[in-house]
Protein backbone atom coordinates (compact mmCIF):
# COMPACT_ATOMS: atom_id res chain seq x y z
CA MET A 1 72.67 -35.21 -63.24
CA SER A 2 72.58 -38.87 -64.17
CA GLU A 3 75.66 -40.62 -65.49
CA ALA A 4 73.62 -42.48 -68.12
CA LYS A 5 73.82 -41.00 -71.60
CA VAL A 6 71.28 -40.83 -74.41
CA SER A 7 72.07 -41.64 -78.04
CA LEU A 8 70.61 -39.21 -80.59
CA ALA A 9 71.00 -38.82 -84.36
CA ALA A 10 73.04 -35.62 -83.95
CA VAL A 11 75.34 -33.83 -81.52
CA TYR A 12 77.10 -30.48 -81.32
CA GLY A 13 80.85 -30.01 -81.17
CA GLN A 14 83.35 -27.19 -81.43
CA LYS A 15 85.74 -26.84 -84.36
CA ALA A 16 89.31 -26.74 -83.03
CA GLY A 17 91.16 -26.49 -86.37
CA MET A 18 92.74 -28.74 -88.98
CA THR A 19 95.73 -31.05 -89.03
CA ARG A 20 96.81 -34.21 -90.81
CA ILE A 21 97.38 -37.82 -89.85
CA PHE A 22 98.86 -40.85 -91.61
CA ASP A 23 96.80 -43.99 -92.11
CA GLU A 24 98.00 -47.59 -91.87
CA SER A 25 99.36 -47.53 -95.43
CA GLY A 26 101.27 -44.31 -94.77
CA LYS A 27 98.97 -42.05 -96.77
CA HIS A 28 98.53 -38.47 -95.63
CA VAL A 29 94.93 -37.73 -94.55
CA PRO A 30 93.77 -34.13 -93.87
CA VAL A 31 91.39 -34.01 -90.91
CA THR A 32 89.35 -31.48 -88.96
CA VAL A 33 89.64 -31.68 -85.17
CA ILE A 34 86.31 -31.41 -83.34
CA LYS A 35 86.35 -30.72 -79.61
CA LEU A 36 83.76 -32.81 -77.78
CA ILE A 37 81.58 -30.58 -75.61
CA PRO A 38 78.71 -31.42 -73.22
CA ASN A 39 75.31 -31.81 -74.89
CA VAL A 40 72.61 -32.02 -72.24
CA ILE A 41 68.87 -32.62 -72.71
CA SER A 42 67.22 -29.48 -71.33
CA GLN A 43 63.60 -30.13 -72.34
CA VAL A 44 61.47 -33.05 -73.48
CA LYS A 45 58.72 -32.15 -75.96
CA THR A 46 55.82 -34.54 -76.41
CA THR A 47 52.95 -34.89 -78.88
CA GLU A 48 50.38 -34.39 -76.11
CA LYS A 49 51.85 -31.11 -74.90
CA ASP A 50 53.73 -29.63 -77.88
CA GLY A 51 52.29 -31.42 -80.92
CA TYR A 52 55.49 -33.36 -81.72
CA ASN A 53 58.17 -35.47 -80.06
CA ALA A 54 61.60 -33.90 -79.66
CA TYR A 55 64.50 -33.36 -77.30
CA GLN A 56 65.81 -29.86 -76.71
CA VAL A 57 69.58 -30.02 -76.22
CA ALA A 58 71.68 -27.37 -74.47
CA TYR A 59 75.35 -26.83 -75.26
CA GLY A 60 78.01 -24.10 -75.25
CA GLU A 61 79.31 -23.39 -71.75
CA LYS A 62 79.69 -19.79 -70.57
CA ARG A 63 80.63 -17.99 -67.38
CA GLU A 64 77.65 -17.70 -65.06
CA LYS A 65 77.55 -13.89 -65.10
CA LEU A 66 77.17 -13.89 -68.90
CA VAL A 67 73.88 -15.84 -68.80
CA THR A 68 70.47 -14.31 -68.14
CA SER A 69 68.34 -15.23 -65.12
CA PRO A 70 65.49 -16.82 -67.19
CA LEU A 71 68.02 -19.08 -68.87
CA LYS A 72 69.50 -20.06 -65.51
CA GLY A 73 65.99 -20.91 -64.36
CA GLN A 74 65.44 -23.12 -67.39
CA LEU A 75 68.67 -25.00 -66.71
CA LYS A 76 67.80 -25.36 -63.02
CA LYS A 77 64.38 -26.78 -63.91
CA ALA A 78 66.11 -29.46 -66.00
CA ASN A 79 68.58 -30.20 -63.15
CA ILE A 80 71.55 -29.11 -65.27
CA ASP A 81 74.50 -27.97 -63.21
CA LYS A 82 76.47 -26.59 -66.19
CA VAL A 83 75.98 -23.03 -67.46
CA LEU A 84 74.94 -23.67 -71.08
CA SER A 85 73.81 -20.88 -73.41
CA LYS A 86 72.83 -22.45 -76.76
CA PHE A 87 69.87 -24.68 -77.56
CA ALA A 88 68.78 -26.92 -80.43
CA GLU A 89 66.00 -29.43 -81.04
CA PHE A 90 66.26 -32.98 -82.32
CA LYS A 91 63.00 -34.63 -83.39
CA THR A 92 62.64 -38.31 -82.49
CA GLU A 93 59.89 -40.90 -82.83
CA GLU A 94 59.84 -41.64 -79.11
CA VAL A 95 60.83 -39.56 -76.08
CA SER A 96 61.10 -40.21 -72.36
CA GLU A 97 60.78 -37.71 -69.52
CA ASP A 98 63.42 -39.74 -67.67
CA ASN A 99 66.07 -38.45 -70.08
CA LEU A 100 65.69 -34.85 -68.88
CA GLY A 101 69.07 -33.60 -67.66
CA LYS A 102 71.04 -36.47 -69.19
CA GLU A 103 74.02 -35.97 -71.51
CA VAL A 104 74.00 -36.97 -75.16
CA ALA A 105 76.37 -39.79 -76.06
CA PHE A 106 79.03 -39.54 -78.78
CA GLU A 107 79.42 -43.31 -79.20
CA SER A 108 77.21 -43.31 -82.32
CA PHE A 109 79.91 -41.37 -84.18
CA ALA A 110 82.78 -43.83 -83.96
CA ALA A 111 85.50 -44.27 -86.60
CA SER A 112 84.36 -45.08 -90.17
CA VAL A 113 80.85 -43.64 -89.61
CA PHE A 114 79.68 -41.16 -92.27
CA VAL A 115 78.27 -37.86 -91.01
CA ASP A 116 76.76 -34.60 -92.26
CA VAL A 117 78.37 -31.55 -90.66
CA THR A 118 76.55 -28.20 -90.45
CA GLY A 119 78.19 -24.94 -89.45
CA THR A 120 78.20 -21.19 -90.03
CA THR A 121 80.68 -20.23 -92.73
CA LYS A 122 83.41 -17.65 -92.22
CA GLY A 123 82.44 -14.04 -92.81
CA LYS A 124 84.22 -12.36 -95.72
CA GLY A 125 82.59 -8.93 -95.50
CA PHE A 126 81.48 -7.06 -98.63
CA ALA A 127 82.63 -8.92 -101.75
CA GLY A 128 82.36 -8.37 -105.49
CA VAL A 129 80.91 -10.86 -107.94
CA MET A 130 84.29 -12.33 -108.92
CA LYS A 131 85.09 -13.34 -105.37
CA LYS A 132 81.55 -14.11 -104.29
CA TYR A 133 80.27 -16.02 -107.33
CA ASN A 134 83.46 -16.81 -109.27
CA PHE A 135 82.54 -14.55 -112.24
CA ARG A 136 85.15 -14.46 -114.99
CA GLY A 137 85.37 -10.66 -115.23
CA GLY A 138 86.16 -8.55 -118.26
CA PRO A 139 89.32 -8.22 -120.41
CA ALA A 140 92.37 -7.17 -118.40
CA SER A 141 94.23 -5.50 -121.30
CA HIS A 142 94.55 -1.77 -122.01
CA GLY A 143 91.65 0.09 -123.53
CA HIS A 144 88.98 -1.78 -121.65
CA LYS A 145 86.92 -0.22 -118.90
CA PHE A 146 85.25 -3.45 -117.80
CA HIS A 147 87.48 -5.51 -115.49
CA ARG A 148 85.91 -6.77 -112.26
CA THR A 149 82.44 -5.24 -112.35
CA THR A 150 79.10 -7.04 -112.56
CA GLY A 151 78.15 -6.26 -116.15
CA SER A 152 74.57 -6.06 -117.39
CA ILE A 153 71.92 -6.90 -114.80
CA GLY A 154 68.80 -6.54 -116.97
CA ASN A 155 67.53 -6.37 -120.56
CA ARG A 156 65.65 -3.58 -122.41
CA ALA A 157 62.50 -1.80 -121.31
CA THR A 158 60.82 -5.18 -120.88
CA PRO A 159 60.80 -6.31 -118.11
CA GLY A 160 62.35 -2.99 -117.10
CA ARG A 161 63.50 -4.27 -113.74
CA VAL A 162 66.13 -6.46 -112.11
CA PHE A 163 65.02 -10.02 -111.45
CA LYS A 164 65.08 -11.35 -107.90
CA GLN A 165 68.05 -13.50 -106.86
CA LYS A 166 70.34 -11.75 -109.38
CA LYS A 167 73.95 -12.40 -108.47
CA MET A 168 75.35 -9.04 -107.38
CA PRO A 169 78.01 -7.70 -105.00
CA GLY A 170 77.18 -7.90 -101.31
CA HIS A 171 77.83 -9.53 -97.98
CA MET A 172 79.68 -12.83 -98.30
CA GLY A 173 79.78 -15.66 -95.79
CA VAL A 174 78.06 -16.12 -92.40
CA ILE A 175 75.52 -18.57 -93.83
CA THR A 176 74.49 -21.99 -92.59
CA LYS A 177 76.17 -24.63 -94.75
CA THR A 178 76.11 -28.43 -94.61
CA VAL A 179 78.80 -30.74 -95.98
CA GLN A 180 77.50 -34.26 -96.49
CA ASN A 181 79.08 -37.71 -96.28
CA LEU A 182 82.24 -36.87 -94.34
CA GLN A 183 83.90 -39.83 -92.65
CA VAL A 184 84.86 -39.95 -88.98
CA VAL A 185 88.49 -41.04 -88.71
CA GLU A 186 88.80 -41.25 -84.94
CA LEU A 187 86.69 -40.71 -81.81
CA ASN A 188 88.60 -40.26 -78.56
CA GLU A 189 86.21 -39.53 -75.70
CA GLU A 190 88.94 -39.80 -73.06
CA GLN A 191 90.90 -36.89 -74.53
CA GLY A 192 87.76 -35.18 -75.79
CA TYR A 193 88.21 -34.94 -79.55
CA MET A 194 86.92 -36.30 -82.84
CA LEU A 195 88.75 -36.37 -86.18
CA ILE A 196 86.69 -35.95 -89.37
CA LYS A 197 88.25 -36.46 -92.79
CA GLY A 198 88.32 -33.26 -94.86
CA SER A 199 87.18 -29.75 -94.02
CA VAL A 200 83.97 -28.60 -92.33
CA PRO A 201 82.23 -25.21 -92.49
CA GLY A 202 82.99 -22.54 -89.91
CA SER A 203 85.82 -20.73 -88.21
CA LYS A 204 88.02 -21.92 -85.37
CA ASN A 205 86.09 -22.36 -82.09
CA GLY A 206 82.78 -22.24 -83.99
CA PHE A 207 80.01 -24.70 -83.11
CA VAL A 208 79.14 -27.43 -85.62
CA ARG A 209 76.28 -29.91 -85.79
CA ILE A 210 77.36 -33.48 -86.49
CA ALA A 211 74.56 -35.75 -87.66
CA THR A 212 74.33 -39.25 -89.06
CA ALA A 213 74.61 -39.06 -92.86
CA ILE A 214 71.20 -39.23 -94.52
CA LYS A 215 72.50 -40.37 -97.92
CA LYS A 216 74.64 -43.27 -96.76
């Protein structure tokens, strides 16, 4: 695999947890630690062959015995010597077949750069409307039988049904969520970590997509 790296508008990292640092003026800054992981171009898609230009990027190393044979064949075809199990596509205006098998560079996400971070939120299991949607609930005093329940979910014989998208109890979490305009505080490629100001979606060791902020 070539040593040269390719700069793209987004990369994948692994959330390592949160900590805090102190800036030059001594102010306390909460940061999320992102572990830098290999992102390797596993396929080049072109307008002539696929109808659009894009790079398919592989990430997320696993033990070899945990990966299927077709996936191993795909990695071998791209001359990737790492055992990677997750894939994502990044559309670009121009692509080059020469970039197949090259790693994606992190240098575009240096300190002070604003990024949008996408991850899968923590799963909370089955939750009621007060926890899930921040409903106020009913009176908590004696004599009332309405405390934490949903309340009315419809009205009269017309329309005689429950509208779609009604906020009701159910599974909470495990959704794809993006937090925009977070600032990179530090990028340390030698030690393999990135510090982003504030919190990002997802649990510890979860994968997150870090992209250049679209509103900055």
